Amino acid sequence: MASSPCGNSNFDSGLEIKTRSVEQTLIPLVSQITTLINHKDKPKKSERTLAAIHRVGQAVSVAVGRFVAVGEAIAAENQELKDEMGQACFEARRAGDAIAQLTDVGPALPLQSDGRVTVFSDRTGMVKAARLLLSSVTKVLVLADRIVIKQIITSRNKVLVTLDHLERVSTFQEFVQIFSQFGNEMVEFAHLTGDRQNDLKDEKKKARMAAARAVLEKCTMMLLTASKTCLRHPDCESARINKDAVFHRMRCALEQVIEIVTEARSSGENKILPASIYNGIKDFKSSVECLRENLFSLSPQSMSSQLETLVERTEDFTDSAYTSHEQRQAILGLCQLARQDTQQLVHAWVEGQSAHAKEATEDMEVAILKTCQSVNDLRRELHKVAVGRASDLLKVHGEQLPLRALKAAGAEGNLEAVAEFTRTLTEQKEQLVETCRLLCHVSGSEPLEITCVHAEETFHVIGPQIISAAQTLALHPSSKIAKENLEVFCEAWESQLCDMALLLREINDVFEGRRGEAQIGSVKRRRCV
């Protein structure tokens, strides 16, 4: 809220601030107003203090004047905001004038024996003016922020129109002309969305924006080669499938950006952040520890149910064909231990309630510690399994053997070999997708969870695209553009493996306490050095 910079509920504007730029703009104004409010509590002031108050009041008035001038200019250029912006500017100017009047001490007043001047304090009037000022200035800033959102939407719409034209072209000459325009529009969109990403306060939205922008960046090159391949080989079904997948993914990413900036709810919203074991353990421990203060904060049945829900999520580990027998037994054993400790806690808890205890008994305290320790041990084991598997996969896939084999088989026109190595790549893709899902469970922060989901989706999509590109090359082994197209998709796969290696290090850092809530500035930074 607008009051957050100064922590005073009197200044609540009723508007949620979602960007750092708006918040940073308000902080100096809040600081000045807080100074004025505090001084209004002291009727006696020295001449020096009065002069300082007068200067602060005038500075606030001047600052408001600048805000209003910018707001009125925005209103003049954007008719749809004219009425709202005009009202907000009017209220801001009125509040600024009121503060200027309240801090205008007028002619010098007679000094008292202690060298101070007694002035009448109107703290109520100052608080009222301050509340109106912050509310109206915040509204001006939030309305101005709508223009930024409008620019992003307009830019997206231009990209979509050009994307439709690119999808329908039938000649190379027409494609080159339209792709040049598309490139310029994508650069503009990238600048606008990059600035917005950096300005967002919500780290989850930042991570989602970074993921969508990374898709658009990588897909632009894929779109170029996939479209050229399709134009060169118009009757090739695998080339068409390859191209269609790129266009579909770009449209989905463009839509995701707009959902983030407009805060629209999509039908896939729940898919973005699946229920993770890390969050389940955190919530369960919170419920357990609350019993120290309140024995009636929840029921024994709800706690047991909460644990069972958590244990059920571990099935992603225990049901996996890639989890070793020893790892599976260790996880199942820790789940059973957590159940036993929870049952002991429930027993001590019920006894404490029967004895009308007001806080946790000694037996309960011991049971609480044991229960928290058992779920911590479970989290540690799951982390070891997920990170260990990911590390092993990255070592194996670092050699890129299936990709090399597919490129060689395609260049030789060997469809049988392409089919054989397709099965190998598909199995690797399934391993990577499942591993990303396990990493999501133990990631330790919501931004990292989002990045895990992005990695999972990327492997899931690019795998089949590599296969269709290899099939096209095998059908047209002398085609330079088909060879280039396969190379581009293989590079995207390798790039995502590099991103996964960095993601793995960040998850380890969070787990080891080397960093807190991971700050995901941009998926674009995830590159091998």
Protein backbone atom coordinates (compact mmCIF):
# COMPACT_ATOMS: atom_id res chain seq x y z
CA MET A 1 0.00 0.00 0.00
CA ALA A 2 1.03 3.60 -0.28
CA SER A 3 1.64 3.74 3.41
CA SER A 4 4.28 1.05 3.35
CA PRO A 5 7.29 3.35 3.00
CA CYS A 6 6.52 5.07 6.31
CA GLY A 7 4.59 2.29 7.99
CA ASN A 8 1.71 4.55 9.06
CA SER A 9 -1.80 3.30 8.40
CA ASN A 10 -3.06 6.90 8.45
CA PHE A 11 -1.55 7.29 5.00
CA ASP A 12 -3.21 4.26 3.41
CA SER A 13 -4.14 5.28 -0.13
CA GLY A 14 -6.27 2.21 -0.86
CA LEU A 15 -4.11 1.54 -3.94
CA GLU A 16 -1.66 -1.35 -4.16
CA ILE A 17 1.78 -0.35 -5.45
CA LYS A 18 3.13 -3.04 -7.75
CA THR A 19 6.26 -1.39 -9.17
CA ARG A 20 9.50 -0.20 -7.61
CA SER A 21 9.48 3.06 -9.58
CA VAL A 22 6.17 4.18 -8.05
CA GLU A 23 7.34 3.15 -4.56
CA GLN A 24 10.69 4.93 -4.91
CA THR A 25 8.95 8.09 -6.15
CA LEU A 26 6.73 8.15 -3.07
CA ILE A 27 9.40 7.51 -0.41
CA PRO A 28 10.89 11.07 -0.34
CA LEU A 29 7.41 12.59 -0.20
CA VAL A 30 6.40 10.27 2.64
CA SER A 31 9.59 11.17 4.52
CA GLN A 32 8.91 14.90 4.23
CA ILE A 33 5.29 14.53 5.33
CA THR A 34 6.33 12.37 8.29
CA THR A 35 8.70 15.15 9.36
CA LEU A 36 5.87 17.69 9.28
CA ILE A 37 3.49 15.40 11.21
CA ASN A 38 6.07 14.79 13.94
CA HIS A 39 6.78 18.49 14.40
CA LYS A 40 3.08 19.26 14.72
CA ASP A 41 3.17 17.35 18.03
CA LYS A 42 5.41 20.05 19.57
CA PRO A 43 3.68 23.44 20.08
CA LYS A 44 6.92 25.25 21.04
CA LYS A 45 9.55 25.57 18.31
CA SER A 46 12.73 27.55 17.75
CA GLU A 47 12.96 30.00 14.87
CA ARG A 48 15.39 27.64 13.18
CA THR A 49 12.91 24.76 13.44
CA LEU A 50 10.10 26.95 12.11
CA ALA A 51 12.23 27.92 9.13
CA ALA A 52 13.02 24.25 8.45
CA ILE A 53 9.33 23.31 8.65
CA HIS A 54 8.48 26.12 6.26
CA ARG A 55 11.14 24.90 3.80
CA VAL A 56 9.87 21.31 3.95
CA GLY A 57 6.29 22.50 3.41
CA GLN A 58 7.32 24.55 0.39
CA ALA A 59 9.37 21.63 -0.98
CA VAL A 60 6.32 19.38 -0.72
CA SER A 61 4.22 21.98 -2.52
CA VAL A 62 6.77 22.32 -5.34
CA ALA A 63 7.08 18.54 -5.69
CA VAL A 64 3.32 18.20 -5.90
CA GLY A 65 3.27 20.88 -8.57
CA ARG A 66 5.66 18.81 -10.67
CA PHE A 67 3.60 15.66 -10.14
CA VAL A 68 0.46 17.47 -11.19
CA ALA A 69 2.08 18.97 -14.30
CA VAL A 70 3.19 15.52 -15.46
CA GLY A 71 -0.21 14.04 -14.64
CA GLU A 72 -2.04 16.73 -16.58
CA ALA A 73 0.24 16.21 -19.58
CA ILE A 74 -0.50 12.47 -19.50
CA ALA A 75 -4.24 13.19 -19.26
CA ALA A 76 -4.04 15.48 -22.31
CA GLU A 77 -2.43 12.70 -24.38
CA ASN A 78 -4.67 9.87 -23.14
CA GLN A 79 -8.34 10.72 -23.27
CA GLU A 80 -9.42 7.49 -21.58
CA LEU A 81 -7.63 8.63 -18.39
CA LYS A 82 -8.60 12.30 -18.61
CA ASP A 83 -11.36 12.32 -15.99
CA GLU A 84 -9.65 10.08 -13.42
CA MET A 85 -6.29 11.78 -13.83
CA GLY A 86 -7.87 15.24 -13.71
CA GLN A 87 -9.61 14.46 -10.41
CA ALA A 88 -6.43 12.97 -8.90
CA CYS A 89 -4.40 16.03 -9.97
CA PHE A 90 -7.02 18.38 -8.52
CA GLU A 91 -6.96 16.57 -5.16
CA ALA A 92 -3.15 16.49 -5.11
CA ARG A 93 -2.90 20.22 -5.81
CA ARG A 94 -5.49 20.99 -3.12
CA ALA A 95 -3.67 18.85 -0.55
CA GLY A 96 -0.31 20.40 -1.48
CA ASP A 97 -1.73 23.89 -1.03
CA ALA A 98 -3.20 22.89 2.35
CA ILE A 99 0.19 21.63 3.56
CA ALA A 100 1.88 24.82 2.33
CA GLN A 101 -0.63 26.90 4.32
CA LEU A 102 -0.26 24.79 7.46
CA THR A 103 3.53 25.22 7.37
CA ASP A 104 3.44 28.95 6.59
CA VAL A 105 4.20 30.55 9.98
CA GLY A 106 3.75 34.07 8.63
CA PRO A 107 5.43 37.08 10.34
CA ALA A 108 7.86 36.35 13.14
CA LEU A 109 6.07 35.64 16.40
CA PRO A 110 7.31 36.88 19.82
CA LEU A 111 9.91 34.69 21.51
CA GLN A 112 9.25 33.08 24.88
CA SER A 113 11.75 33.19 27.74
CA ASP A 114 13.28 29.92 26.50
CA GLY A 115 13.93 31.42 23.08
CA ARG A 116 11.13 29.44 21.42
CA VAL A 117 7.95 30.47 19.66
CA THR A 118 4.57 29.08 20.62
CA VAL A 119 2.41 28.30 17.59
CA PHE A 120 -1.00 26.67 17.38
CA SER A 121 -0.66 23.03 16.33
CA ASP A 122 -3.16 21.59 13.85
CA ARG A 123 -2.02 17.99 13.75
CA THR A 124 -5.46 16.76 12.66
CA GLY A 125 -5.45 19.12 9.69
CA MET A 126 -1.94 18.05 8.73
CA VAL A 127 -2.78 14.34 8.93
CA LYS A 128 -5.90 14.89 6.82
CA ALA A 129 -3.96 16.85 4.19
CA ALA A 130 -1.16 14.27 4.21
CA ARG A 131 -3.58 11.40 3.72
CA LEU A 132 -5.27 13.18 0.81
CA LEU A 133 -1.93 14.10 -0.72
CA LEU A 134 -0.45 10.61 -0.63
CA SER A 135 -3.67 9.05 -1.87
CA SER A 136 -3.97 11.45 -4.81
CA VAL A 137 -0.27 11.37 -5.75
CA THR A 138 -0.28 7.57 -5.60
CA LYS A 139 -3.33 7.54 -7.85
CA VAL A 140 -1.57 9.84 -10.35
CA LEU A 141 1.40 7.48 -10.40
CA VAL A 142 -0.73 4.35 -10.71
CA LEU A 143 -2.74 5.92 -13.54
CA ALA A 144 0.50 6.87 -15.27
CA ASP A 145 1.59 3.26 -14.88
CA ARG A 146 -1.46 2.22 -16.89
CA ILE A 147 0.11 4.00 -19.85
CA VAL A 148 3.14 1.74 -19.60
CA ILE A 149 0.83 -1.29 -19.57
CA LYS A 150 -1.03 0.14 -22.56
CA GLN A 151 2.27 0.54 -24.45
CA ILE A 152 3.15 -3.12 -23.79
CA ILE A 153 -0.29 -4.29 -24.96
CA THR A 154 -0.07 -2.13 -28.09
CA SER A 155 3.40 -3.47 -28.82
CA ARG A 156 2.19 -7.06 -28.32
CA ASN A 157 -0.72 -6.47 -30.70
CA LYS A 158 1.63 -5.20 -33.41
CA VAL A 159 3.83 -8.29 -32.96
CA LEU A 160 0.80 -10.59 -33.20
CA VAL A 161 -0.42 -8.99 -36.45
CA THR A 162 3.02 -9.32 -38.03
CA LEU A 163 3.30 -12.88 -36.69
CA ASP A 164 0.06 -13.76 -38.50
CA HIS A 165 1.45 -12.27 -41.72
CA LEU A 166 4.69 -14.25 -41.34
CA GLU A 167 2.76 -17.48 -40.88
CA ARG A 168 0.91 -16.99 -44.18
CA VAL A 169 3.73 -15.86 -46.50
CA SER A 170 4.41 -17.98 -49.57
CA THR A 171 7.59 -16.42 -51.02
CA PHE A 172 11.07 -15.78 -49.68
CA GLN A 173 11.01 -12.14 -50.74
CA GLU A 174 7.79 -11.46 -48.85
CA PHE A 175 9.12 -13.36 -45.82
CA VAL A 176 12.35 -11.35 -45.66
CA GLN A 177 10.45 -8.04 -45.78
CA ILE A 178 7.95 -8.99 -43.09
CA PHE A 179 10.56 -10.66 -40.87
CA SER A 180 12.59 -7.44 -40.88
CA GLN A 181 9.53 -5.57 -39.59
CA PHE A 182 8.88 -8.36 -37.09
CA GLY A 183 12.44 -8.07 -35.78
CA ASN A 184 12.07 -4.35 -35.12
CA GLU A 185 8.77 -4.88 -33.35
CA MET A 186 10.25 -7.64 -31.19
CA VAL A 187 13.13 -5.36 -30.18
CA GLU A 188 10.65 -2.71 -29.05
CA PHE A 189 8.60 -5.32 -27.16
CA ALA A 190 11.74 -6.71 -25.52
CA HIS A 191 12.76 -3.24 -24.27
CA LEU A 192 9.31 -2.48 -22.85
CA THR A 193 8.92 -5.86 -21.14
CA GLY A 194 12.51 -5.82 -19.86
CA ASP A 195 11.94 -2.48 -18.17
CA ARG A 196 8.68 -3.77 -16.74
CA GLN A 197 10.31 -6.94 -15.44
CA ASN A 198 12.99 -4.94 -13.63
CA ASP A 199 10.34 -2.63 -12.15
CA LEU A 200 8.08 -5.35 -10.74
CA LYS A 201 8.11 -5.78 -6.96
CA ASP A 202 6.59 -9.27 -6.94
CA GLU A 203 9.41 -11.82 -7.42
CA LYS A 204 6.99 -14.47 -8.73
CA LYS A 205 5.77 -12.16 -11.48
CA LYS A 206 9.38 -11.24 -12.22
CA ALA A 207 10.27 -14.91 -12.66
CA ARG A 208 7.25 -15.56 -14.90
CA MET A 209 8.10 -12.52 -17.01
CA ALA A 210 11.71 -13.67 -17.32
CA ALA A 211 10.56 -17.12 -18.46
CA ALA A 212 8.17 -15.71 -21.09
CA ARG A 213 10.77 -13.28 -22.41
CA ALA A 214 13.37 -16.09 -22.64
CA VAL A 215 10.93 -18.13 -24.76
CA LEU A 216 10.38 -15.19 -27.11
CA GLU A 217 14.10 -14.54 -27.45
CA LYS A 218 14.95 -18.16 -28.29
CA CYS A 219 11.91 -18.67 -30.52
CA THR A 220 12.74 -15.70 -32.74
CA MET A 221 15.72 -17.53 -34.27
CA MET A 222 13.75 -20.78 -34.41
CA LEU A 223 10.96 -18.99 -36.22
CA LEU A 224 13.41 -17.69 -38.83
CA THR A 225 14.95 -21.06 -39.70
CA ALA A 226 11.71 -23.08 -39.32
CA SER A 227 9.85 -20.71 -41.65
CA LYS A 228 12.65 -20.71 -44.24
CA THR A 229 12.75 -24.52 -44.14
CA CYS A 230 9.00 -24.68 -44.69
CA LEU A 231 9.23 -22.25 -47.61
CA ARG A 232 12.06 -24.29 -49.15
CA HIS A 233 10.19 -27.57 -48.68
CA PRO A 234 6.47 -26.61 -48.78
CA ASP A 235 5.23 -30.21 -49.13
CA CYS A 236 7.21 -31.55 -46.16
CA GLU A 237 4.89 -32.47 -43.30
CA SER A 238 7.64 -32.60 -40.64
CA ALA A 239 8.79 -29.08 -41.65
CA ARG A 240 5.24 -27.79 -41.25
CA ILE A 241 4.87 -29.45 -37.82
CA ASN A 242 8.18 -27.91 -36.76
CA LYS A 243 7.15 -24.42 -37.86
CA ASP A 244 3.64 -24.62 -36.35
CA ALA A 245 5.08 -25.54 -32.95
CA VAL A 246 7.29 -22.44 -32.94
CA PHE A 247 4.45 -20.08 -33.82
CA HIS A 248 2.22 -21.66 -31.16
CA ARG A 249 4.88 -21.29 -28.47
CA MET A 250 5.51 -17.66 -29.35
CA ARG A 251 1.81 -16.82 -29.11
CA CYS A 252 1.59 -18.54 -25.71
CA ALA A 253 4.58 -16.55 -24.42
CA LEU A 254 3.14 -13.27 -25.71
CA GLU A 255 -0.13 -14.07 -23.96
CA GLN A 256 1.68 -14.87 -20.72
CA VAL A 257 3.41 -11.46 -20.74
CA ILE A 258 0.04 -9.73 -21.08
CA GLU A 259 -1.44 -11.84 -18.27
CA ILE A 260 1.39 -10.71 -16.00
CA VAL A 261 1.19 -6.98 -16.76
CA THR A 262 -2.63 -6.86 -16.67
CA GLU A 263 -2.93 -9.42 -13.82
CA ALA A 264 -5.43 -11.41 -15.85
CA ARG A 265 -6.30 -14.90 -14.61
CA SER A 266 -5.67 -17.60 -17.18
CA SER A 267 -7.13 -21.09 -17.24
CA GLY A 268 -3.60 -22.40 -16.71
CA GLU A 269 -2.84 -20.27 -13.65
CA ASN A 270 -2.80 -23.25 -11.30
CA LYS A 271 -0.40 -25.08 -13.61
CA ILE A 272 2.27 -22.42 -13.16
CA LEU A 273 2.93 -23.22 -9.51
CA PRO A 274 2.11 -26.84 -8.67
CA ALA A 275 1.93 -27.79 -5.00
CA SER A 276 5.53 -28.38 -3.93
CA ILE A 277 6.84 -30.52 -1.09
CA TYR A 278 8.96 -27.61 0.12
CA ASN A 279 5.86 -25.45 0.64
CA GLY A 280 4.00 -28.40 2.16
CA ILE A 281 6.75 -28.92 4.75
CA LYS A 282 6.93 -25.21 5.49
CA ASP A 283 3.16 -25.01 6.07
CA PHE A 284 3.12 -28.19 8.15
CA LYS A 285 5.97 -26.99 10.41
CA SER A 286 4.21 -23.66 10.84
CA SER A 287 1.04 -25.46 12.01
CA VAL A 288 3.05 -27.62 14.42
CA GLU A 289 4.96 -24.69 15.92
CA CYS A 290 1.75 -22.67 16.38
CA LEU A 291 0.73 -25.20 19.02
CA ARG A 292 3.30 -23.67 21.36
CA GLU A 293 1.13 -20.58 21.67
CA ASN A 294 -2.34 -21.98 21.10
CA LEU A 295 -3.37 -25.58 21.72
CA PHE A 296 -6.64 -24.96 19.89
CA SER A 297 -5.23 -23.34 16.70
CA LEU A 298 -6.31 -26.41 14.69
CA SER A 299 -7.64 -29.92 15.22
CA PRO A 300 -5.55 -33.11 15.51
CA GLN A 301 -7.40 -34.48 12.48
CA SER A 302 -6.44 -31.51 10.30
CA MET A 303 -2.77 -31.83 11.27
CA SER A 304 -2.73 -35.53 10.40
CA SER A 305 -4.48 -34.75 7.13
CA GLN A 306 -1.91 -32.06 6.37
CA LEU A 307 0.92 -34.56 6.86
CA GLU A 308 -0.76 -37.17 4.64
CA THR A 309 -1.13 -34.61 1.85
CA LEU A 310 2.57 -33.88 2.19
CA VAL A 311 3.49 -37.59 2.12
CA GLU A 312 1.30 -38.08 -0.96
CA ARG A 313 3.40 -35.52 -2.85
CA THR A 314 6.52 -37.62 -2.25
CA GLU A 315 5.04 -40.19 -4.64
CA ASP A 316 6.57 -38.15 -7.47
CA PHE A 317 9.89 -39.45 -6.07
CA THR A 318 8.93 -42.96 -4.94
CA ASP A 319 6.88 -43.82 -8.06
CA SER A 320 9.62 -42.74 -10.44
CA ALA A 321 11.29 -45.48 -12.47
CA TYR A 322 14.56 -43.56 -12.13
CA THR A 323 14.59 -43.59 -8.30
CA SER A 324 16.88 -46.31 -6.92
CA HIS A 325 15.57 -48.95 -4.49
CA GLU A 326 17.75 -47.53 -1.69
CA GLN A 327 16.48 -43.98 -2.27
CA ARG A 328 12.87 -45.18 -2.36
CA GLN A 329 13.24 -47.07 0.91
CA ALA A 330 14.91 -44.09 2.59
CA ILE A 331 12.07 -41.76 1.57
CA LEU A 332 9.36 -44.21 2.65
CA GLY A 333 11.14 -44.76 5.99
CA LEU A 334 11.33 -41.01 6.69
CA CYS A 335 7.65 -40.60 5.78
CA GLN A 336 6.77 -43.33 8.28
CA LEU A 337 8.95 -41.70 10.94
CA ALA A 338 7.16 -38.37 10.35
CA ARG A 339 3.83 -40.14 10.82
CA GLN A 340 4.97 -41.72 14.11
CA ASP A 341 6.32 -38.44 15.48
CA THR A 342 3.13 -36.67 14.48
CA GLN A 343 1.03 -39.30 16.24
CA GLN A 344 3.12 -38.85 19.43
CA LEU A 345 2.57 -35.11 19.14
CA VAL A 346 -1.19 -35.58 18.73
CA HIS A 347 -1.24 -37.84 21.82
CA ALA A 348 0.63 -35.28 23.95
CA TRP A 349 -1.52 -32.51 22.49
CA VAL A 350 -4.81 -34.22 23.41
CA GLU A 351 -3.51 -34.82 26.93
CA GLY A 352 -2.59 -31.15 27.23
CA GLN A 353 -6.06 -30.09 26.10
CA SER A 354 -7.65 -32.49 28.61
CA ALA A 355 -5.56 -30.93 31.37
CA HIS A 356 -6.71 -27.46 30.23
CA ALA A 357 -3.10 -26.40 29.61
CA LYS A 358 -2.78 -22.82 28.32
CA GLU A 359 0.43 -23.50 26.41
CA ALA A 360 2.49 -26.45 25.18
CA THR A 361 3.40 -28.95 27.87
CA GLU A 362 6.92 -30.36 28.25
CA ASP A 363 5.87 -33.57 26.44
CA MET A 364 4.36 -31.50 23.66
CA GLU A 365 7.52 -29.42 23.30
CA VAL A 366 9.61 -32.56 22.86
CA ALA A 367 7.10 -33.96 20.34
CA ILE A 368 7.05 -30.67 18.41
CA LEU A 369 10.84 -30.69 18.10
CA LYS A 370 10.89 -34.34 16.98
CA THR A 371 8.13 -33.81 14.42
CA CYS A 372 9.85 -30.77 12.92
CA GLN A 373 13.15 -32.65 12.81
CA SER A 374 11.60 -35.64 11.03
CA VAL A 375 10.09 -33.52 8.24
CA ASN A 376 13.38 -31.61 7.96
CA ASP A 377 15.14 -34.96 7.48
CA LEU A 378 12.59 -35.86 4.83
CA ARG A 379 13.21 -32.59 3.01
CA ARG A 380 16.98 -33.18 3.15
CA GLU A 381 16.62 -36.65 1.65
CA LEU A 382 14.33 -35.44 -1.14
CA HIS A 383 16.73 -32.60 -1.91
CA LYS A 384 19.63 -35.08 -2.12
CA VAL A 385 17.70 -37.33 -4.50
CA ALA A 386 16.51 -34.53 -6.81
CA VAL A 387 19.81 -32.66 -6.96
CA GLY A 388 21.81 -35.88 -7.31
CA ARG A 389 19.70 -37.03 -10.24
CA ALA A 390 19.90 -33.64 -11.93
CA SER A 391 23.69 -33.55 -11.54
CA ASP A 392 24.03 -37.05 -13.02
CA LEU A 393 21.80 -36.18 -15.98
CA LEU A 394 23.74 -33.01 -16.73
CA LYS A 395 26.98 -35.01 -16.81
CA VAL A 396 25.50 -37.59 -19.19
CA HIS A 397 23.77 -35.09 -21.46
CA GLY A 398 26.78 -32.78 -21.52
CA GLU A 399 28.28 -35.07 -24.16
CA GLN A 400 25.29 -34.42 -26.47
CA LEU A 401 25.58 -37.90 -28.05
CA PRO A 402 21.95 -38.23 -29.23
CA LEU A 403 22.03 -34.75 -30.80
CA ARG A 404 25.25 -35.50 -32.66
CA ALA A 405 23.86 -38.81 -33.83
CA LEU A 406 20.61 -37.22 -35.03
CA LYS A 407 22.49 -34.53 -36.97
CA ALA A 408 24.73 -37.12 -38.58
CA ALA A 409 21.84 -39.46 -39.44
CA GLY A 410 19.82 -36.59 -40.88
CA ALA A 411 22.71 -35.36 -43.02
CA GLU A 412 23.09 -38.92 -44.38
CA GLY A 413 19.36 -39.15 -45.17
CA ASN A 414 19.14 -42.23 -42.91
CA LEU A 415 15.53 -42.27 -41.69
CA GLU A 416 15.98 -45.54 -39.77
CA ALA A 417 18.87 -44.13 -37.77
CA VAL A 418 16.89 -40.94 -37.12
CA ALA A 419 14.04 -43.07 -35.76
CA GLU A 420 16.45 -44.99 -33.53
CA PHE A 421 18.09 -41.89 -32.03
CA THR A 422 14.67 -40.25 -31.72
CA ARG A 423 13.76 -42.90 -29.16
CA THR A 424 16.97 -42.17 -27.25
CA LEU A 425 16.34 -38.42 -27.23
CA THR A 426 12.71 -38.95 -26.20
CA GLU A 427 13.82 -41.01 -23.20
CA GLN A 428 16.33 -38.32 -22.21
CA LYS A 429 13.64 -35.68 -22.57
CA GLU A 430 11.32 -37.63 -20.25
CA GLN A 431 14.12 -37.96 -17.67
CA LEU A 432 14.83 -34.23 -17.81
CA VAL A 433 11.15 -33.29 -17.58
CA GLU A 434 10.65 -35.51 -14.54
CA THR A 435 13.84 -34.22 -12.91
CA CYS A 436 12.68 -30.61 -13.35
CA ARG A 437 9.45 -31.61 -11.60
CA LEU A 438 11.41 -33.07 -8.68
CA LEU A 439 13.61 -29.96 -8.48
CA CYS A 440 10.44 -27.86 -8.31
CA HIS A 441 9.47 -29.79 -5.16
CA VAL A 442 12.73 -28.90 -3.38
CA SER A 443 13.56 -25.53 -4.99
CA GLY A 444 13.09 -23.55 -1.78
CA SER A 445 11.45 -20.43 -3.24
CA GLU A 446 8.53 -19.58 -5.48
CA PRO A 447 10.65 -17.76 -8.12
CA LEU A 448 12.83 -20.88 -8.42
CA GLU A 449 9.71 -23.07 -8.62
CA ILE A 450 8.56 -20.99 -11.58
CA THR A 451 11.96 -21.36 -13.22
CA CYS A 452 11.79 -25.15 -12.72
CA VAL A 453 8.37 -25.22 -14.40
CA HIS A 454 9.79 -23.16 -17.29
CA ALA A 455 12.68 -25.62 -17.69
CA GLU A 456 10.28 -28.57 -17.64
CA GLU A 457 8.08 -27.01 -20.32
CA THR A 458 11.10 -26.09 -22.46
CA PHE A 459 12.49 -29.65 -22.54
CA HIS A 460 8.99 -30.99 -23.16
CA VAL A 461 8.52 -28.73 -26.21
CA ILE A 462 12.01 -28.61 -27.75
CA GLY A 463 12.50 -32.41 -27.74
CA PRO A 464 9.79 -33.06 -30.36
CA GLN A 465 10.90 -29.98 -32.31
CA ILE A 466 14.44 -31.40 -32.64
CA ILE A 467 12.93 -34.66 -33.86
CA SER A 468 10.76 -33.00 -36.53
CA ALA A 469 13.74 -30.91 -37.67
CA ALA A 470 15.90 -34.09 -37.91
CA GLN A 471 13.19 -35.88 -39.90
CA THR A 472 13.04 -32.96 -42.32
CA LEU A 473 16.80 -33.05 -42.82
CA ALA A 474 16.72 -36.83 -43.36
CA LEU A 475 14.11 -36.32 -46.10
CA HIS A 476 16.18 -33.51 -47.66
CA PRO A 477 19.81 -34.28 -46.72
CA SER A 478 21.28 -31.79 -49.19
CA SER A 479 19.19 -28.87 -47.83
CA LYS A 480 21.42 -26.27 -46.14
CA ILE A 481 18.47 -24.54 -44.52
CA ALA A 482 17.11 -27.83 -43.09
CA LYS A 483 20.57 -28.51 -41.61
CA GLU A 484 20.73 -24.98 -40.16
CA ASN A 485 17.25 -25.39 -38.70
CA LEU A 486 18.19 -28.60 -36.88
CA GLU A 487 21.32 -26.89 -35.56
CA VAL A 488 19.26 -24.02 -34.10
CA PHE A 489 16.96 -26.38 -32.19
CA CYS A 490 19.91 -28.42 -30.90
CA GLU A 491 21.54 -25.21 -29.66
CA ALA A 492 18.31 -24.31 -27.83
CA TRP A 493 18.41 -27.71 -26.11
CA GLU A 494 22.05 -27.22 -25.09
CA SER A 495 21.25 -23.71 -23.86
CA GLN A 496 18.48 -25.07 -21.65
CA LEU A 497 20.89 -27.62 -20.17
CA CYS A 498 23.20 -24.72 -19.27
CA ASP A 499 20.24 -22.90 -17.70
CA MET A 500 19.44 -26.04 -15.72
CA ALA A 501 23.01 -26.22 -14.36
CA LEU A 502 22.75 -22.66 -13.06
CA LEU A 503 19.28 -23.36 -11.65
CA LEU A 504 20.74 -26.34 -9.81
CA ARG A 505 23.41 -24.16 -8.20
CA GLU A 506 20.78 -21.62 -7.10
CA ILE A 507 18.63 -24.36 -5.53
CA ASN A 508 21.68 -25.65 -3.65
CA ASP A 509 22.52 -22.12 -2.48
CA VAL A 510 19.03 -21.67 -1.04
CA PHE A 511 19.12 -25.08 0.64
CA GLU A 512 22.52 -24.43 2.18
CA GLY A 513 21.43 -20.99 3.38
CA ARG A 514 23.93 -19.14 1.19
CA ARG A 515 21.08 -16.98 -0.08
CA GLY A 516 17.49 -16.26 0.90
CA GLU A 517 14.52 -15.98 -1.42
CA ALA A 518 16.26 -16.33 -4.77
CA GLN A 519 16.11 -13.21 -6.89
CA ILE A 520 15.42 -14.28 -10.46
CA GLY A 521 16.19 -11.20 -12.51
CA SER A 522 16.21 -12.82 -15.90
CA VAL A 523 16.31 -16.32 -17.33
CA LYS A 524 18.41 -14.72 -20.06
CA ARG A 525 21.33 -14.60 -17.61
CA ARG A 526 21.40 -18.40 -17.39
CA ARG A 527 24.14 -19.16 -19.87
CA CYS A 528 27.19 -21.39 -19.83
CA VAL A 529 30.42 -19.45 -19.55
